[in-house]
Amino acid sequence: MEKKISPETTKKIQELQILEQSLQNILLQKQAFQMELNETSMALEEMKTAEKEIYKIVGQIMFKTSKDEVEKDLKSKKEILELRFKSLEKQENSLKDEVKNSRAEIMQKLG
């Protein structure tokens, strides 16, 4: 004989699915920030070998600018990306804990 799932358990399962979707979204955002952070870090490395005057692309236009200005902009961008990345990691860990607890609760009700 099959066990019927209570409405409360069904609701908990739906909440778990929402939590898992949120976690997936956080992971995708985190991956995008990691890629942008890597690109910024590589650009900063390339700056070490650049001349005093370099070119910066803004939209579809290339401007001649100073190395110091671009380096300052890249360092600032990197700091912001690192902060956002750390924030996403905290959100990820929090959601993972919620998912784990929710799964355990559901398994207990089903078990």
C-alpha atoms as a PDB file:
ATOM      1  CA  MET A   1       0.000   0.000   0.000  1.00  0.00           C
ATOM      2  CA  GLU A   2       1.355   3.420  -0.983  1.00  0.00           C
ATOM      3  CA  LYS A   3       1.879   6.142   1.569  1.00  0.00           C
ATOM      4  CA  LYS A   4       0.091   9.399   0.788  1.00  0.00           C
ATOM      5  CA  ILE A   5       2.173  12.562   1.027  1.00  0.00           C
ATOM      6  CA  SER A   6       0.646  15.164   3.308  1.00  0.00           C
ATOM      7  CA  PRO A   7      -0.044  18.695   2.013  1.00  0.00           C
ATOM      8  CA  GLU A   8       2.550  20.014   4.467  1.00  0.00           C
ATOM      9  CA  THR A   9       5.221  17.702   3.058  1.00  0.00           C
ATOM     10  CA  THR A  10       4.232  18.627  -0.495  1.00  0.00           C
ATOM     11  CA  LYS A  11       4.683  22.287   0.423  1.00  0.00           C
ATOM     12  CA  LYS A  12       8.101  21.530   1.935  1.00  0.00           C
ATOM     13  CA  ILE A  13       9.127  19.728  -1.269  1.00  0.00           C
ATOM     14  CA  GLN A  14       8.076  22.744  -3.346  1.00  0.00           C
ATOM     15  CA  GLU A  15      10.062  25.028  -1.031  1.00  0.00           C
ATOM     16  CA  LEU A  16      13.068  22.733  -1.433  1.00  0.00           C
ATOM     17  CA  GLN A  17      12.787  22.977  -5.215  1.00  0.00           C
ATOM     18  CA  ILE A  18      12.732  26.783  -4.977  1.00  0.00           C
ATOM     19  CA  LEU A  19      15.789  26.714  -2.711  1.00  0.00           C
ATOM     20  CA  GLU A  20      17.622  24.471  -5.177  1.00  0.00           C
ATOM     21  CA  GLN A  21      16.769  26.809  -8.061  1.00  0.00           C
ATOM     22  CA  SER A  22      18.035  29.769  -6.042  1.00  0.00           C
ATOM     23  CA  LEU A  23      21.230  27.886  -5.300  1.00  0.00           C
ATOM     24  CA  GLN A  24      21.670  27.113  -8.997  1.00  0.00           C
ATOM     25  CA  ASN A  25      21.214  30.808  -9.846  1.00  0.00           C
ATOM     26  CA  ILE A  26      23.799  31.800  -7.230  1.00  0.00           C
ATOM     27  CA  LEU A  27      26.256  29.274  -8.669  1.00  0.00           C
ATOM     28  CA  LEU A  28      25.764  30.668 -12.185  1.00  0.00           C
ATOM     29  CA  GLN A  29      26.301  34.232 -10.958  1.00  0.00           C
ATOM     30  CA  LYS A  30      29.362  33.140  -9.015  1.00  0.00           C
ATOM     31  CA  GLN A  31      30.785  31.472 -12.124  1.00  0.00           C
ATOM     32  CA  ALA A  32      30.227  34.650 -14.174  1.00  0.00           C
ATOM     33  CA  PHE A  33      31.962  36.787 -11.537  1.00  0.00           C
ATOM     34  CA  GLN A  34      34.853  34.309 -11.367  1.00  0.00           C
ATOM     35  CA  MET A  35      35.348  34.569 -15.128  1.00  0.00           C
ATOM     36  CA  GLU A  36      35.249  38.366 -15.017  1.00  0.00           C
ATOM     37  CA  LEU A  37      37.638  38.361 -12.062  1.00  0.00           C
ATOM     38  CA  ASN A  38      40.064  36.137 -13.990  1.00  0.00           C
ATOM     39  CA  GLU A  39      39.898  38.441 -17.011  1.00  0.00           C
ATOM     40  CA  THR A  40      40.554  41.484 -14.837  1.00  0.00           C
ATOM     41  CA  SER A  41      43.493  39.779 -13.128  1.00  0.00           C
ATOM     42  CA  MET A  42      44.982  38.813 -16.501  1.00  0.00           C
ATOM     43  CA  ALA A  43      44.546  42.392 -17.744  1.00  0.00           C
ATOM     44  CA  LEU A  44      46.399  43.668 -14.665  1.00  0.00           C
ATOM     45  CA  GLU A  45      49.220  41.208 -15.365  1.00  0.00           C
ATOM     46  CA  GLU A  46      49.435  42.412 -18.961  1.00  0.00           C
ATOM     47  CA  MET A  47      49.614  45.989 -17.685  1.00  0.00           C
ATOM     48  CA  LYS A  48      53.022  45.239 -16.161  1.00  0.00           C
ATOM     49  CA  THR A  49      54.575  44.914 -19.601  1.00  0.00           C
ATOM     50  CA  ALA A  50      52.631  47.771 -21.216  1.00  0.00           C
ATOM     51  CA  GLU A  51      54.097  51.098 -22.271  1.00  0.00           C
ATOM     52  CA  LYS A  52      53.181  54.407 -20.584  1.00  0.00           C
ATOM     53  CA  GLU A  53      50.359  55.055 -23.055  1.00  0.00           C
ATOM     54  CA  ILE A  54      47.869  52.331 -23.769  1.00  0.00           C
ATOM     55  CA  TYR A  55      44.492  52.010 -25.439  1.00  0.00           C
ATOM     56  CA  LYS A  56      41.194  51.410 -23.721  1.00  0.00           C
ATOM     57  CA  ILE A  57      38.037  50.285 -25.505  1.00  0.00           C
ATOM     58  CA  VAL A  58      34.824  52.012 -24.477  1.00  0.00           C
ATOM     59  CA  GLY A  59      31.859  50.673 -26.397  1.00  0.00           C
ATOM     60  CA  GLN A  60      33.041  50.531 -29.989  1.00  0.00           C
ATOM     61  CA  ILE A  61      35.627  53.300 -29.654  1.00  0.00           C
ATOM     62  CA  MET A  62      39.283  52.915 -28.701  1.00  0.00           C
ATOM     63  CA  PHE A  63      40.879  55.718 -26.663  1.00  0.00           C
ATOM     64  CA  LYS A  64      44.508  56.387 -25.918  1.00  0.00           C
ATOM     65  CA  THR A  65      44.930  56.700 -22.163  1.00  0.00           C
ATOM     66  CA  SER A  66      47.576  56.507 -19.460  1.00  0.00           C
ATOM     67  CA  LYS A  67      48.697  53.214 -17.997  1.00  0.00           C
ATOM     68  CA  ASP A  68      48.173  54.525 -14.457  1.00  0.00           C
ATOM     69  CA  GLU A  69      44.536  55.451 -15.105  1.00  0.00           C
ATOM     70  CA  VAL A  70      43.664  52.055 -16.562  1.00  0.00           C
ATOM     71  CA  GLU A  71      45.560  50.247 -13.822  1.00  0.00           C
ATOM     72  CA  LYS A  72      43.641  52.218 -11.184  1.00  0.00           C
ATOM     73  CA  ASP A  73      40.325  51.380 -12.888  1.00  0.00           C
ATOM     74  CA  LEU A  74      41.196  47.675 -13.139  1.00  0.00           C
ATOM     75  CA  LYS A  75      42.262  47.458  -9.493  1.00  0.00           C
ATOM     76  CA  SER A  76      39.028  49.121  -8.427  1.00  0.00           C
ATOM     77  CA  LYS A  77      37.013  46.753 -10.621  1.00  0.00           C
ATOM     78  CA  LYS A  78      38.884  43.765  -9.182  1.00  0.00           C
ATOM     79  CA  GLU A  79      38.123  44.847  -5.602  1.00  0.00           C
ATOM     80  CA  ILE A  80      34.425  45.209  -6.397  1.00  0.00           C
ATOM     81  CA  LEU A  81      34.340  41.818  -8.127  1.00  0.00           C
ATOM     82  CA  GLU A  82      36.086  40.161  -5.178  1.00  0.00           C
ATOM     83  CA  LEU A  83      33.545  41.654  -2.758  1.00  0.00           C
ATOM     84  CA  ARG A  84      30.625  40.487  -4.881  1.00  0.00           C
ATOM     85  CA  PHE A  85      32.198  37.046  -5.240  1.00  0.00           C
ATOM     86  CA  LYS A  86      32.615  36.718  -1.460  1.00  0.00           C
ATOM     87  CA  SER A  87      29.018  37.833  -0.968  1.00  0.00           C
ATOM     88  CA  LEU A  88      27.830  35.161  -3.395  1.00  0.00           C
ATOM     89  CA  GLU A  89      29.911  32.546  -1.578  1.00  0.00           C
ATOM     90  CA  LYS A  90      28.176  33.466   1.692  1.00  0.00           C
ATOM     91  CA  GLN A  91      24.773  33.242   0.010  1.00  0.00           C
ATOM     92  CA  GLU A  92      25.757  29.897  -1.519  1.00  0.00           C
ATOM     93  CA  ASN A  93      26.810  28.453   1.841  1.00  0.00           C
ATOM     94  CA  SER A  94      23.643  29.708   3.503  1.00  0.00           C
ATOM     95  CA  LEU A  95      21.458  28.195   0.787  1.00  0.00           C
ATOM     96  CA  LYS A  96      23.364  24.901   0.916  1.00  0.00           C
ATOM     97  CA  ASP A  97      22.632  24.695   4.649  1.00  0.00           C
ATOM     98  CA  GLU A  98      18.954  25.473   4.050  1.00  0.00           C
ATOM     99  CA  VAL A  99      18.739  22.828   1.319  1.00  0.00           C
ATOM    100  CA  LYS A 100      20.453  20.254   3.532  1.00  0.00           C
ATOM    101  CA  ASN A 101      18.115  20.978   6.459  1.00  0.00           C
ATOM    102  CA  SER A 102      15.046  20.983   4.227  1.00  0.00           C
ATOM    103  CA  ARG A 103      16.020  17.639   2.673  1.00  0.00           C
ATOM    104  CA  ALA A 104      16.575  16.110   6.090  1.00  0.00           C
ATOM    105  CA  GLU A 105      13.193  17.370   7.276  1.00  0.00           C
ATOM    106  CA  ILE A 106      11.416  15.992   4.201  1.00  0.00           C
ATOM    107  CA  MET A 107      13.184  12.621   4.462  1.00  0.00           C
ATOM    108  CA  GLN A 108      12.183  12.407   8.106  1.00  0.00           C
ATOM    109  CA  LYS A 109       8.529  13.073   7.247  1.00  0.00           C
ATOM    110  CA  LEU A 110       8.603  10.557   4.393  1.00  0.00           C
ATOM    111  CA  GLY A 111      10.676   7.974   6.223  1.00  0.00           C
END
